PDB file of N, CA and C in Angstrom:
ATOM      1  N   LYS A   1     -25.834 -48.842  54.179  1.00  0.00           N
ATOM      2  CA  LYS A   1     -25.534 -49.051  52.774  1.00  0.00           C
ATOM      3  C   LYS A   1     -26.684 -48.554  51.887  1.00  0.00           C
ATOM      4  N   GLN A   2     -27.909 -48.793  52.309  1.00  0.00           N
ATOM      5  CA  GLN A   2     -29.052 -48.322  51.538  1.00  0.00           C
ATOM      6  C   GLN A   2     -29.069 -46.801  51.467  1.00  0.00           C
ATOM      7  N   TRP A   3     -28.724 -46.171  52.574  1.00  0.00           N
ATOM      8  CA  TRP A   3     -28.677 -44.712  52.627  1.00  0.00           C
ATOM      9  C   TRP A   3     -27.683 -44.182  51.600  1.00  0.00           C
ATOM     10  N   TYR A   4     -26.540 -44.834  51.515  1.00  0.00           N
ATOM     11  CA  TYR A   4     -25.502 -44.440  50.561  1.00  0.00           C
ATOM     12  C   TYR A   4     -25.990 -44.618  49.126  1.00  0.00           C
ATOM     13  N   GLN A   5     -26.658 -45.727  48.844  1.00  0.00           N
ATOM     14  CA  GLN A   5     -27.174 -45.984  47.501  1.00  0.00           C
ATOM     15  C   GLN A   5     -28.238 -44.958  47.106  1.00  0.00           C
ATOM     16  N   ARG A   6     -29.074 -44.577  48.054  1.00  0.00           N
ATOM     17  CA  ARG A   6     -30.091 -43.567  47.781  1.00  0.00           C
ATOM     18  C   ARG A   6     -29.443 -42.230  47.452  1.00  0.00           C
ATOM     19  N   ARG A   7     -28.395 -41.891  48.180  1.00  0.00           N
ATOM     20  CA  ARG A   7     -27.694 -40.628  47.934  1.00  0.00           C
ATOM     21  C   ARG A   7     -27.087 -40.588  46.535  1.00  0.00           C
ATOM     22  N   VAL A   8     -26.479 -41.682  46.141  1.00  0.00           N
ATOM     23  CA  VAL A   8     -25.888 -41.753  44.805  1.00  0.00           C
ATOM     24  C   VAL A   8     -26.977 -41.645  43.748  1.00  0.00           C
ATOM     25  N   ALA A   9     -28.100 -42.318  43.961  1.00  0.00           N
ATOM     26  CA  ALA A   9     -29.201 -42.272  42.997  1.00  0.00           C
ATOM     27  C   ALA A   9     -29.779 -40.860  42.902  1.00  0.00           C
ATOM     28  N   ILE A  10     -29.933 -40.199  44.036  1.00  0.00           N
ATOM     29  CA  ILE A  10     -30.457 -38.829  44.033  1.00  0.00           C
ATOM     30  C   ILE A  10     -29.494 -37.893  43.320  1.00  0.00           C
ATOM     31  N   THR A  11     -28.206 -38.029  43.601  1.00  0.00           N
ATOM     32  CA  THR A  11     -27.205 -37.174  42.954  1.00  0.00           C
ATOM     33  C   THR A  11     -27.178 -37.413  41.452  1.00  0.00           C
ATOM     34  N   ALA A  12     -27.267 -38.663  41.042  1.00  0.00           N
ATOM     35  CA  ALA A  12     -27.291 -38.962  39.604  1.00  0.00           C
ATOM     36  C   ALA A  12     -28.538 -38.380  38.952  1.00  0.00           C
ATOM     37  N   GLY A  13     -29.676 -38.448  39.643  1.00  0.00           N
ATOM     38  CA  GLY A  13     -30.909 -37.867  39.109  1.00  0.00           C
ATOM     39  C   GLY A  13     -30.813 -36.355  38.973  1.00  0.00           C
ATOM     40  N   ILE A  14     -30.225 -35.711  39.975  1.00  0.00           N
ATOM     41  CA  ILE A  14     -30.029 -34.263  39.908  1.00  0.00           C
ATOM     42  C   ILE A  14     -29.126 -33.910  38.736  1.00  0.00           C
ATOM     43  N   GLY A  15     -28.083 -34.671  38.556  1.00  0.00           N
ATOM     44  CA  GLY A  15     -27.172 -34.428  37.438  1.00  0.00           C
ATOM     45  C   GLY A  15     -27.846 -34.571  36.097  1.00  0.00           C
ATOM     46  N   GLN A  16     -28.709 -35.565  35.983  1.00  0.00           N
ATOM     47  CA  GLN A  16     -29.419 -35.771  34.724  1.00  0.00           C
ATOM     48  C   GLN A  16     -30.365 -34.610  34.443  1.00  0.00           C
ATOM     49  N   VAL A  17     -31.064 -34.142  35.452  1.00  0.00           N
ATOM     50  CA  VAL A  17     -31.977 -33.012  35.276  1.00  0.00           C
ATOM     51  C   VAL A  17     -31.196 -31.754  34.912  1.00  0.00           C
ATOM     52  N   MET A  18     -30.060 -31.535  35.592  1.00  0.00           N
ATOM     53  CA  MET A  18     -29.230 -30.370  35.280  1.00  0.00           C
ATOM     54  C   MET A  18     -28.758 -30.426  33.840  1.00  0.00           C
ATOM     55  N   SER A  19     -28.326 -31.580  33.413  1.00  0.00           N
ATOM     56  CA  SER A  19     -27.835 -31.738  32.049  1.00  0.00           C
ATOM     57  C   SER A  19     -28.940 -31.468  31.034  1.00  0.00           C
ATOM     58  N   GLU A  20     -30.116 -32.022  31.277  1.00  0.00           N
ATOM     59  CA  GLU A  20     -31.233 -31.820  30.355  1.00  0.00           C
ATOM     60  C   GLU A  20     -31.623 -30.348  30.282  1.00  0.00           C
ATOM     61  N   GLU A  21     -31.635 -29.672  31.440  1.00  0.00           N
ATOM     62  CA  GLU A  21     -31.980 -28.246  31.458  1.00  0.00           C
ATOM     63  C   GLU A  21     -30.950 -27.422  30.693  1.00  0.00           C
ATOM     64  N   GLU A  22     -29.679 -27.720  30.917  1.00  0.00           N
ATOM     65  CA  GLU A  22     -28.617 -26.983  30.237  1.00  0.00           C
ATOM     66  C   GLU A  22     -28.671 -27.210  28.731  1.00  0.00           C
ATOM     67  N   ILE A  23     -28.921 -28.426  28.335  1.00  0.00           N
ATOM     68  CA  ILE A  23     -29.001 -28.738  26.903  1.00  0.00           C
ATOM     69  C   ILE A  23     -30.171 -27.990  26.270  1.00  0.00           C
ATOM     70  N   MET A  24     -31.310 -27.964  26.943  1.00  0.00           N
ATOM     71  CA  MET A  24     -32.459 -27.240  26.398  1.00  0.00           C
ATOM     72  C   MET A  24     -32.166 -25.744  26.312  1.00  0.00           C
ATOM     73  N   ASP A  25     -31.510 -25.198  27.339  1.00  0.00           N
ATOM     74  CA  ASP A  25     -31.138 -23.776  27.303  1.00  0.00           C
ATOM     75  C   ASP A  25     -30.239 -23.476  26.112  1.00  0.00           C
ATOM     76  N   LEU A  26     -29.244 -24.324  25.914  1.00  0.00           N
ATOM     77  CA  LEU A  26     -28.310 -24.097  24.813  1.00  0.00           C
ATOM     78  C   LEU A  26     -28.978 -24.287  23.453  1.00  0.00           C
ATOM     79  N   LEU A  27     -29.874 -25.268  23.357  1.00  0.00           N
ATOM     80  CA  LEU A  27     -30.590 -25.468  22.092  1.00  0.00           C
ATOM     81  C   LEU A  27     -31.466 -24.270  21.748  1.00  0.00           C
ATOM     82  N   GLN A  28     -32.125 -23.729  22.755  1.00  0.00           N
ATOM     83  CA  GLN A  28     -32.995 -22.578  22.512  1.00  0.00           C
ATOM     84  C   GLN A  28     -32.192 -21.325  22.201  1.00  0.00           C
ATOM     85  N   ALA A  29     -31.001 -21.210  22.768  1.00  0.00           N
ATOM     86  CA  ALA A  29     -30.176 -20.022  22.548  1.00  0.00           C
ATOM     87  C   ALA A  29     -29.285 -20.146  21.319  1.00  0.00           C
ATOM     88  N   SER A  30     -29.147 -21.327  20.764  1.00  0.00           N
ATOM     89  CA  SER A  30     -28.180 -21.547  19.691  1.00  0.00           C
ATOM     90  C   SER A  30     -28.332 -20.629  18.480  1.00  0.00           C
ATOM     91  N   PRO A  31     -29.528 -20.329  17.985  1.00  0.00           N
ATOM     92  CA  PRO A  31     -29.600 -19.409  16.834  1.00  0.00           C
ATOM     93  C   PRO A  31     -29.051 -18.017  17.162  1.00  0.00           C
ATOM     94  N   PHE A  32     -29.224 -17.596  18.412  1.00  0.00           N
ATOM     95  CA  PHE A  32     -28.764 -16.277  18.820  1.00  0.00           C
ATOM     96  C   PHE A  32     -27.257 -16.242  19.073  1.00  0.00           C
ATOM     97  N   LEU A  33     -26.670 -17.424  19.263  1.00  0.00           N
ATOM     98  CA  LEU A  33     -25.231 -17.526  19.505  1.00  0.00           C
ATOM     99  C   LEU A  33     -24.455 -17.859  18.238  1.00  0.00           C
ATOM    100  N   GLY A  34     -25.151 -18.085  17.143  1.00  0.00           N
ATOM    101  CA  GLY A  34     -24.490 -18.419  15.887  1.00  0.00           C
ATOM    102  C   GLY A  34     -24.131 -19.886  15.777  1.00  0.00           C
ATOM    103  N   ILE A  35     -24.758 -20.723  16.587  1.00  0.00           N
ATOM    104  CA  ILE A  35     -24.494 -22.161  16.561  1.00  0.00           C
ATOM    105  C   ILE A  35     -25.575 -22.813  15.716  1.00  0.00           C
ATOM    106  N   MET A  36     -25.205 -23.312  14.575  1.00  0.00           N
ATOM    107  CA  MET A  36     -26.169 -23.914  13.658  1.00  0.00           C
ATOM    108  C   MET A  36     -25.994 -25.435  13.649  1.00  0.00           C
ATOM    109  N   PRO A  37     -27.102 -26.168  13.658  1.00  0.00           N
ATOM    110  CA  PRO A  37     -26.993 -27.627  13.565  1.00  0.00           C
ATOM    111  C   PRO A  37     -26.542 -28.040  12.172  1.00  0.00           C
ATOM    112  N   LYS A  38     -25.953 -29.209  12.111  1.00  0.00           N
ATOM    113  CA  LYS A  38     -25.541 -29.725  10.810  1.00  0.00           C
ATOM    114  C   LYS A  38     -26.800 -30.066  10.012  1.00  0.00           C
ATOM    115  N   PRO A  39     -26.906 -29.569   8.785  1.00  0.00           N
ATOM    116  CA  PRO A  39     -28.122 -29.817   8.007  1.00  0.00           C
ATOM    117  C   PRO A  39     -28.253 -31.285   7.600  1.00  0.00           C
ATOM    118  N   VAL A  40     -29.486 -31.708   7.466  1.00  0.00           N
ATOM    119  CA  VAL A  40     -29.780 -33.083   7.062  1.00  0.00           C
ATOM    120  C   VAL A  40     -29.814 -33.144   5.548  1.00  0.00           C
ATOM    121  N   VAL A  41     -29.069 -34.096   5.004  1.00  0.00           N
ATOM    122  CA  VAL A  41     -29.040 -34.304   3.561  1.00  0.00           C
ATOM    123  C   VAL A  41     -29.394 -35.764   3.313  1.00  0.00           C
ATOM    124  N   LYS A  42     -30.322 -35.974   2.405  1.00  0.00           N
ATOM    125  CA  LYS A  42     -30.712 -37.348   2.089  1.00  0.00           C
ATOM    126  C   LYS A  42     -29.517 -38.107   1.529  1.00  0.00           C
ATOM    127  N   ASN A  43     -29.587 -39.406   1.650  1.00  0.00           N
ATOM    128  CA  ASN A  43     -28.483 -40.245   1.179  1.00  0.00           C
ATOM    129  C   ASN A  43     -28.184 -39.980  -0.292  1.00  0.00           C
ATOM    130  N   GLU A  44     -26.966 -39.676  -0.537  1.00  0.00           N
ATOM    131  CA  GLU A  44     -26.499 -39.441  -1.901  1.00  0.00           C
ATOM    132  C   GLU A  44     -25.527 -40.562  -2.263  1.00  0.00           C
ATOM    133  N   GLU A  45     -25.551 -40.932  -3.514  1.00  0.00           N
ATOM    134  CA  GLU A  45     -24.650 -41.984  -3.966  1.00  0.00           C
ATOM    135  C   GLU A  45     -23.201 -41.514  -3.955  1.00  0.00           C
ATOM    136  N   ASN A  46     -23.009 -40.281  -4.353  1.00  0.00           N
ATOM    137  CA  ASN A  46     -21.676 -39.724  -4.455  1.00  0.00           C
ATOM    138  C   ASN A  46     -21.375 -38.880  -3.211  1.00  0.00           C
ATOM    139  N   GLU A  47     -20.244 -39.124  -2.583  1.00  0.00           N
ATOM    140  CA  GLU A  47     -19.858 -38.383  -1.377  1.00  0.00           C
ATOM    141  C   GLU A  47     -19.612 -36.909  -1.667  1.00  0.00           C
ATOM    142  N   GLU A  48     -19.061 -36.608  -2.832  1.00  0.00           N
ATOM    143  CA  GLU A  48     -18.809 -35.209  -3.199  1.00  0.00           C
ATOM    144  C   GLU A  48     -20.109 -34.431  -3.332  1.00  0.00           C
ATOM    145  N   THR A  49     -21.093 -35.031  -3.953  1.00  0.00           N
ATOM    146  CA  THR A  49     -22.401 -34.393  -4.105  1.00  0.00           C
ATOM    147  C   THR A  49     -23.020 -34.132  -2.748  1.00  0.00           C
ATOM    148  N   ARG A  50     -22.895 -35.103  -1.877  1.00  0.00           N
ATOM    149  CA  ARG A  50     -23.448 -34.961  -0.523  1.00  0.00           C
ATOM    150  C   ARG A  50     -22.774 -33.802   0.208  1.00  0.00           C
ATOM    151  N   GLU A  51     -21.468 -33.728   0.147  1.00  0.00           N
ATOM    152  CA  GLU A  51     -20.726 -32.650   0.815  1.00  0.00           C
ATOM    153  C   GLU A  51     -21.100 -31.281   0.249  1.00  0.00           C
ATOM    154  N   LYS A  52     -21.279 -31.215  -1.074  1.00  0.00           N
ATOM    155  CA  LYS A  52     -21.690 -29.951  -1.687  1.00  0.00           C
ATOM    156  C   LYS A  52     -23.046 -29.507  -1.165  1.00  0.00           C
ATOM    157  N   LYS A  53     -23.976 -30.461  -1.053  1.00  0.00           N
ATOM    158  CA  LYS A  53     -25.300 -30.128  -0.555  1.00  0.00           C
ATOM    159  C   LYS A  53     -25.253 -29.684   0.905  1.00  0.00           C
ATOM    160  N   VAL A  54     -24.401 -30.317   1.699  1.00  0.00           N
ATOM    161  CA  VAL A  54     -24.248 -29.919   3.101  1.00  0.00           C
ATOM    162  C   VAL A  54     -23.726 -28.485   3.181  1.00  0.00           C
ATOM    163  N   VAL A  55     -22.724 -28.162   2.373  1.00  0.00           N
ATOM    164  CA  VAL A  55     -22.158 -26.811   2.371  1.00  0.00           C
ATOM    165  C   VAL A  55     -23.204 -25.794   1.923  1.00  0.00           C
ATOM    166  N   GLU A  56     -23.958 -26.121   0.880  1.00  0.00           N
ATOM    167  CA  GLU A  56     -25.002 -25.219   0.382  1.00  0.00           C
ATOM    168  C   GLU A  56     -26.069 -24.960   1.445  1.00  0.00           C
ATOM    169  N   LYS A  57     -26.524 -26.039   2.085  1.00  0.00           N
ATOM    170  CA  LYS A  57     -27.550 -25.882   3.101  1.00  0.00           C
ATOM    171  C   LYS A  57     -27.024 -25.115   4.311  1.00  0.00           C
ATOM    172  N   THR A  58     -25.777 -25.329   4.663  1.00  0.00           N
ATOM    173  CA  THR A  58     -25.176 -24.604   5.779  1.00  0.00           C
ATOM    174  C   THR A  58     -25.120 -23.116   5.480  1.00  0.00           C
ATOM    175  N   LYS A  59     -24.713 -22.764   4.265  1.00  0.00           N
ATOM    176  CA  LYS A  59     -24.664 -21.350   3.878  1.00  0.00           C
ATOM    177  C   LYS A  59     -26.055 -20.731   3.879  1.00  0.00           C
ATOM    178  N   MET A  60     -27.054 -21.487   3.413  1.00  0.00           N
ATOM    179  CA  MET A  60     -28.425 -20.986   3.421  1.00  0.00           C
ATOM    180  C   MET A  60     -28.913 -20.732   4.852  1.00  0.00           C
ATOM    181  N   MET A  61     -28.605 -21.653   5.758  1.00  0.00           N
ATOM    182  CA  MET A  61     -29.008 -21.489   7.149  1.00  0.00           C
ATOM    183  C   MET A  61     -28.304 -20.289   7.783  1.00  0.00           C
ATOM    184  N   GLU A  62     -27.018 -20.138   7.503  1.00  0.00           N
ATOM    185  CA  GLU A  62     -26.271 -19.012   8.054  1.00  0.00           C
ATOM    186  C   GLU A  62     -26.843 -17.692   7.550  1.00  0.00           C
ATOM    187  N   ALA A  63     -27.203 -17.640   6.273  1.00  0.00           N
ATOM    188  CA  ALA A  63     -27.787 -16.420   5.730  1.00  0.00           C
ATOM    189  C   ALA A  63     -29.169 -16.157   6.338  1.00  0.00           C
ATOM    190  N   HIS A  64     -29.921 -17.217   6.520  1.00  0.00           N
ATOM    191  CA  HIS A  64     -31.270 -17.086   7.071  1.00  0.00           C
ATOM    192  C   HIS A  64     -31.253 -16.597   8.518  1.00  0.00           C
ATOM    193  N   TYR A  65     -30.320 -17.125   9.319  1.00  0.00           N
ATOM    194  CA  TYR A  65     -30.267 -16.804  10.737  1.00  0.00           C
ATOM    195  C   TYR A  65     -29.271 -15.692  11.084  1.00  0.00           C
ATOM    196  N   SER A  66     -28.637 -15.101  10.087  1.00  0.00           N
ATOM    197  CA  SER A  66     -27.596 -14.105  10.378  1.00  0.00           C
ATOM    198  C   SER A  66     -28.129 -12.908  11.157  1.00  0.00           C
ATOM    199  N   SER A  67     -29.371 -12.525  10.918  1.00  0.00           N
ATOM    200  CA  SER A  67     -29.917 -11.383  11.647  1.00  0.00           C
ATOM    201  C   SER A  67     -30.203 -11.715  13.109  1.00  0.00           C
ATOM    202  N   LEU A  68     -30.291 -13.000  13.433  1.00  0.00           N
ATOM    203  CA  LEU A  68     -30.547 -13.399  14.816  1.00  0.00           C
ATOM    204  C   LEU A  68     -29.281 -13.451  15.667  1.00  0.00           C
ATOM    205  N   VAL A  69     -28.129 -13.526  15.044  1.00  0.00           N
ATOM    206  CA  VAL A  69     -26.882 -13.646  15.795  1.00  0.00           C
ATOM    207  C   VAL A  69     -26.602 -12.306  16.466  1.00  0.00           C
ATOM    208  N   LEU A  70     -26.844 -12.282  17.753  1.00  0.00           N
ATOM    209  CA  LEU A  70     -26.762 -11.031  18.493  1.00  0.00           C
ATOM    210  C   LEU A  70     -25.343 -10.479  18.572  1.00  0.00           C
ATOM    211  N   ILE A  71     -24.366 -11.371  18.627  1.00  0.00           N
ATOM    212  CA  ILE A  71     -22.979 -10.912  18.752  1.00  0.00           C
ATOM    213  C   ILE A  71     -22.594 -10.038  17.562  1.00  0.00           C
ATOM    214  N   SER A  72     -22.920 -10.477  16.362  1.00  0.00           N
ATOM    215  CA  SER A  72     -22.541  -9.685  15.181  1.00  0.00           C
ATOM    216  C   SER A  72     -23.281  -8.348  15.153  1.00  0.00           C
ATOM    217  N   GLN A  73     -24.542  -8.353  15.593  1.00  0.00           N
ATOM    218  CA  GLN A  73     -25.302  -7.101  15.633  1.00  0.00           C
ATOM    219  C   GLN A  73     -24.714  -6.129  16.654  1.00  0.00           C
ATOM    220  N   ILE A  74     -24.299  -6.655  17.800  1.00  0.00           N
ATOM    221  CA  ILE A  74     -23.700  -5.809  18.836  1.00  0.00           C
ATOM    222  C   ILE A  74     -22.348  -5.290  18.377  1.00  0.00           C
ATOM    223  N   GLU A  75     -21.577  -6.131  17.679  1.00  0.00           N
ATOM    224  CA  GLU A  75     -20.273  -5.686  17.171  1.00  0.00           C
ATOM    225  C   GLU A  75     -20.427  -4.544  16.171  1.00  0.00           C
ATOM    226  N   LYS A  76     -21.507  -4.565  15.396  1.00  0.00           N
ATOM    227  CA  LYS A  76     -21.728  -3.510  14.396  1.00  0.00           C
ATOM    228  C   LYS A  76     -22.187  -2.201  15.026  1.00  0.00           C
ATOM    229  N   THR A  77     -23.067  -2.289  16.016  1.00  0.00           N
ATOM    230  CA  THR A  77     -23.719  -1.083  16.514  1.00  0.00           C
ATOM    231  C   THR A  77     -23.384  -0.718  17.951  1.00  0.00           C
ATOM    232  N   GLY A  78     -22.758  -1.607  18.697  1.00  0.00           N
ATOM    233  CA  GLY A  78     -22.546  -1.361  20.121  1.00  0.00           C
ATOM    234  C   GLY A  78     -21.247  -0.645  20.434  1.00  0.00           C
ATOM    235  N   THR A  79     -21.134  -0.242  21.677  1.00  0.00           N
ATOM    236  CA  THR A  79     -19.906   0.384  22.170  1.00  0.00           C
ATOM    237  C   THR A  79     -18.883  -0.717  22.447  1.00  0.00           C
ATOM    238  N   PRO A  80     -17.604  -0.372  22.572  1.00  0.00           N
ATOM    239  CA  PRO A  80     -16.603  -1.394  22.877  1.00  0.00           C
ATOM    240  C   PRO A  80     -16.915  -2.167  24.166  1.00  0.00           C
ATOM    241  N   GLU A  81     -17.478  -1.496  25.145  1.00  0.00           N
ATOM    242  CA  GLU A  81     -17.826  -2.170  26.400  1.00  0.00           C
ATOM    243  C   GLU A  81     -18.929  -3.199  26.167  1.00  0.00           C
ATOM    244  N   GLN A  82     -19.916  -2.848  25.365  1.00  0.00           N
ATOM    245  CA  GLN A  82     -21.004  -3.774  25.059  1.00  0.00           C
ATOM    246  C   GLN A  82     -20.504  -4.975  24.264  1.00  0.00           C
ATOM    247  N   VAL A  83     -19.567  -4.729  23.365  1.00  0.00           N
ATOM    248  CA  VAL A  83     -18.997  -5.828  22.576  1.00  0.00           C
ATOM    249  C   VAL A  83     -18.262  -6.797  23.485  1.00  0.00           C
ATOM    250  N   ASP A  84     -17.473  -6.269  24.434  1.00  0.00           N
ATOM    251  CA  ASP A  84     -16.754  -7.133  25.376  1.00  0.00           C
ATOM    252  C   ASP A  84     -17.724  -7.956  26.222  1.00  0.00           C
ATOM    253  N   ILE A  85     -18.782  -7.330  26.687  1.00  0.00           N
ATOM    254  CA  ILE A  85     -19.774  -8.037  27.503  1.00  0.00           C
ATOM    255  C   ILE A  85     -20.455  -9.135  26.675  1.00  0.00           C
ATOM    256  N   ALA A  86     -20.782  -8.835  25.439  1.00  0.00           N
ATOM    257  CA  ALA A  86     -21.434  -9.828  24.577  1.00  0.00           C
ATOM    258  C   ALA A  86     -20.516 -11.015  24.306  1.00  0.00           C
ATOM    259  N   ARG A  87     -19.261 -10.752  24.057  1.00  0.00           N
ATOM    260  CA  ARG A  87     -18.310 -11.854  23.807  1.00  0.00           C
ATOM    261  C   ARG A  87     -18.124 -12.709  25.057  1.00  0.00           C
ATOM    262  N   ASP A  88     -18.033 -12.052  26.212  1.00  0.00           N
ATOM    263  CA  ASP A  88     -17.903 -12.801  27.461  1.00  0.00           C
ATOM    264  C   ASP A  88     -19.140 -13.656  27.717  1.00  0.00           C
ATOM    265  N   SER A  89     -20.303 -13.116  27.436  1.00  0.00           N
ATOM    266  CA  SER A  89     -21.546 -13.867  27.620  1.00  0.00           C
ATOM    267  C   SER A  89     -21.599 -15.082  26.706  1.00  0.00           C
ATOM    268  N   LEU A  90     -21.144 -14.916  25.482  1.00  0.00           N
ATOM    269  CA  LEU A  90     -21.114 -16.036  24.537  1.00  0.00           C
ATOM    270  C   LEU A  90     -20.211 -17.144  25.045  1.00  0.00           C
ATOM    271  N   GLN A  91     -19.046 -16.774  25.520  1.00  0.00           N
ATOM    272  CA  GLN A  91     -18.106 -17.771  26.040  1.00  0.00           C
ATOM    273  C   GLN A  91     -18.681 -18.470  27.268  1.00  0.00           C
ATOM    274  N   LEU A  92     -19.310 -17.719  28.151  1.00  0.00           N
ATOM    275  CA  LEU A  92     -19.910 -18.328  29.342  1.00  0.00           C
ATOM    276  C   LEU A  92     -21.027 -19.290  28.976  1.00  0.00           C
ATOM    277  N   ALA A  93     -21.836 -18.932  28.007  1.00  0.00           N
ATOM    278  CA  ALA A  93     -22.932 -19.814  27.591  1.00  0.00           C
ATOM    279  C   ALA A  93     -22.401 -21.130  27.048  1.00  0.00           C
ATOM    280  N   ARG A  94     -21.306 -21.067  26.332  1.00  0.00           N
ATOM    281  CA  ARG A  94     -20.739 -22.298  25.753  1.00  0.00           C
ATOM    282  C   ARG A  94     -20.055 -23.163  26.802  1.00  0.00           C
ATOM    283  N   GLU A  95     -19.522 -22.552  27.837  1.00  0.00           N
ATOM    284  CA  GLU A  95     -18.785 -23.305  28.855  1.00  0.00           C
ATOM    285  C   GLU A  95     -19.671 -23.787  29.995  1.00  0.00           C
ATOM    286  N   ARG A  96     -20.874 -23.284  30.078  1.00  0.00           N
ATOM    287  CA  ARG A  96     -21.749 -23.571  31.210  1.00  0.00           C
ATOM    288  C   ARG A  96     -22.023 -25.062  31.367  1.00  0.00           C
ATOM    289  N   LEU A  97     -22.375 -25.731  30.302  1.00  0.00           N
ATOM    290  CA  LEU A  97     -22.696 -27.149  30.375  1.00  0.00           C
ATOM    291  C   LEU A  97     -21.493 -27.958  30.825  1.00  0.00           C
ATOM    292  N   CYS A  98     -20.327 -27.653  30.287  1.00  0.00           N
ATOM    293  CA  CYS A  98     -19.128 -28.398  30.639  1.00  0.00           C
ATOM    294  C   CYS A  98     -18.816 -28.278  32.127  1.00  0.00           C
ATOM    295  N   LYS A  99     -18.965 -27.086  32.670  1.00  0.00           N
ATOM    296  CA  LYS A  99     -18.668 -26.875  34.090  1.00  0.00           C
ATOM    297  C   LYS A  99     -19.650 -27.624  34.968  1.00  0.00           C
ATOM    298  N   ASN A 100     -20.932 -27.585  34.625  1.00  0.00           N
ATOM    299  CA  ASN A 100     -21.919 -28.304  35.434  1.00  0.00           C
ATOM    300  C   ASN A 100     -21.664 -29.798  35.425  1.00  0.00           C
ATOM    301  N   LEU A 101     -21.302 -30.333  34.279  1.00  0.00           N
ATOM    302  CA  LEU A 101     -21.005 -31.761  34.209  1.00  0.00           C
ATOM    303  C   LEU A 101     -19.739 -32.096  34.994  1.00  0.00           C
ATOM    304  N   SER A 102     -18.772 -31.214  34.994  1.00  0.00           N
ATOM    305  CA  SER A 102     -17.545 -31.433  35.759  1.00  0.00           C
ATOM    306  C   SER A 102     -17.823 -31.435  37.257  1.00  0.00           C
ATOM    307  N   ILE A 103     -18.665 -30.501  37.701  1.00  0.00           N
ATOM    308  CA  ILE A 103     -19.022 -30.447  39.115  1.00  0.00           C
ATOM    309  C   ILE A 103     -19.745 -31.718  39.525  1.00  0.00           C
ATOM    310  N   LEU A 104     -20.664 -32.164  38.700  1.00  0.00           N
ATOM    311  CA  LEU A 104     -21.410 -33.377  39.010  1.00  0.00           C
ATOM    312  C   LEU A 104     -20.483 -34.586  39.082  1.00  0.00           C
ATOM    313  N   SER A 105     -19.581 -34.725  38.140  1.00  0.00           N
ATOM    314  CA  SER A 105     -18.673 -35.878  38.185  1.00  0.00           C
ATOM    315  C   SER A 105     -17.775 -35.817  39.409  1.00  0.00           C
ATOM    316  N   TYR A 106     -17.397 -34.621  39.839  1.00  0.00           N
ATOM    317  CA  TYR A 106     -16.597 -34.464  41.057  1.00  0.00           C
ATOM    318  C   TYR A 106     -17.384 -34.938  42.280  1.00  0.00           C
ATOM    319  N   VAL A 107     -18.662 -34.531  42.361  1.00  0.00           N
ATOM    320  CA  VAL A 107     -19.503 -34.945  43.502  1.00  0.00           C
ATOM    321  C   VAL A 107     -19.686 -36.451  43.506  1.00  0.00           C
ATOM    322  N   LEU A 108     -19.943 -37.024  42.350  1.00  0.00           N
ATOM    323  CA  LEU A 108     -20.099 -38.479  42.274  1.00  0.00           C
ATOM    324  C   LEU A 108     -18.824 -39.217  42.663  1.00  0.00           C
ATOM    325  N   GLU A 109     -17.694 -38.676  42.269  1.00  0.00           N
ATOM    326  CA  GLU A 109     -16.411 -39.290  42.617  1.00  0.00           C
ATOM    327  C   GLU A 109     -16.174 -39.247  44.120  1.00  0.00           C
ATOM    328  N   LYS A 110     -16.542 -38.142  44.754  1.00  0.00           N
ATOM    329  CA  LYS A 110     -16.385 -38.016  46.202  1.00  0.00           C
ATOM    330  C   LYS A 110     -17.323 -38.974  46.936  1.00  0.00           C
ATOM    331  N   LEU A 111     -18.515 -39.191  46.377  1.00  0.00           N
ATOM    332  CA  LEU A 111     -19.452 -40.126  47.008  1.00  0.00           C
ATOM    333  C   LEU A 111     -18.965 -41.559  46.942  1.00  0.00           C
ATOM    334  N   ARG A 112     -18.211 -41.891  45.920  1.00  0.00           N
ATOM    335  CA  ARG A 112     -17.687 -43.253  45.803  1.00  0.00           C
ATOM    336  C   ARG A 112     -16.695 -43.484  46.902  1.00  0.00           C
TER     337      ARG A 112
END
């Protein structure tokens, strides 16, 4: 029984490390993928004012980071083959975390 508990603990630890690594990878790649975090807006009394500020800050961030978004740059200057590869890479980067978490939950379920 102890052996089984150790295995579950080790698998859970591996899953946590995998998740943390994937999250850090995605966070570091997010400006290049066009994924912008929601901007922070101080508490506003009026909800409409707050929403306007969020939209303004989002547009400012998009304009600021637009040159970093590699997909749009490749679409403008690349060949059709390069554009397809870039789009596929973007999709894979976004799905990577979900697949790793699915694999981990499958392994944990089998261990139970």
